[in-house]
């Protein structure tokens, strides 16, 4: 009987040891699962942050490109408007050549205005066709 008690005690100790090992394995498994979940969450957050940064950078690049294109269009429009204005003025001035009294009056007015604005000017460039209109 003593042997049975010893065997029962050994079995009890073995059962306790197996239960302790199982508890430790269960605790370790839960800890590993929690750690793996934390790592997974951290990885997802990092991927999300990187994607967000790329998205913001792409949005900024698109906005900058849009602003650049808008600026180019505005400049082209302004250039076109100035060219159109200058072309219109050139046509009007060319038409004045066919109206000698108005042409002479405007030429003299513009010459006086230029001299008043630039009193120290030493050279006045005049279309050779208009030289006779500006001589005293």
Foldseek 3Di string as FASTA:
>chain_A
DVVVVVVVVVVVVVVVVVVVVVVVVVVVVVVVVVVVVVVVVVVVVVVVVVVVVVVVVVVVVVVVVVVVVVVVVVVVVVVVVVVVVVVVVVVVLVVCVVVVVVNLVVVCVVVVVVCVVPVPDPDDDDDVVCVVSHDD
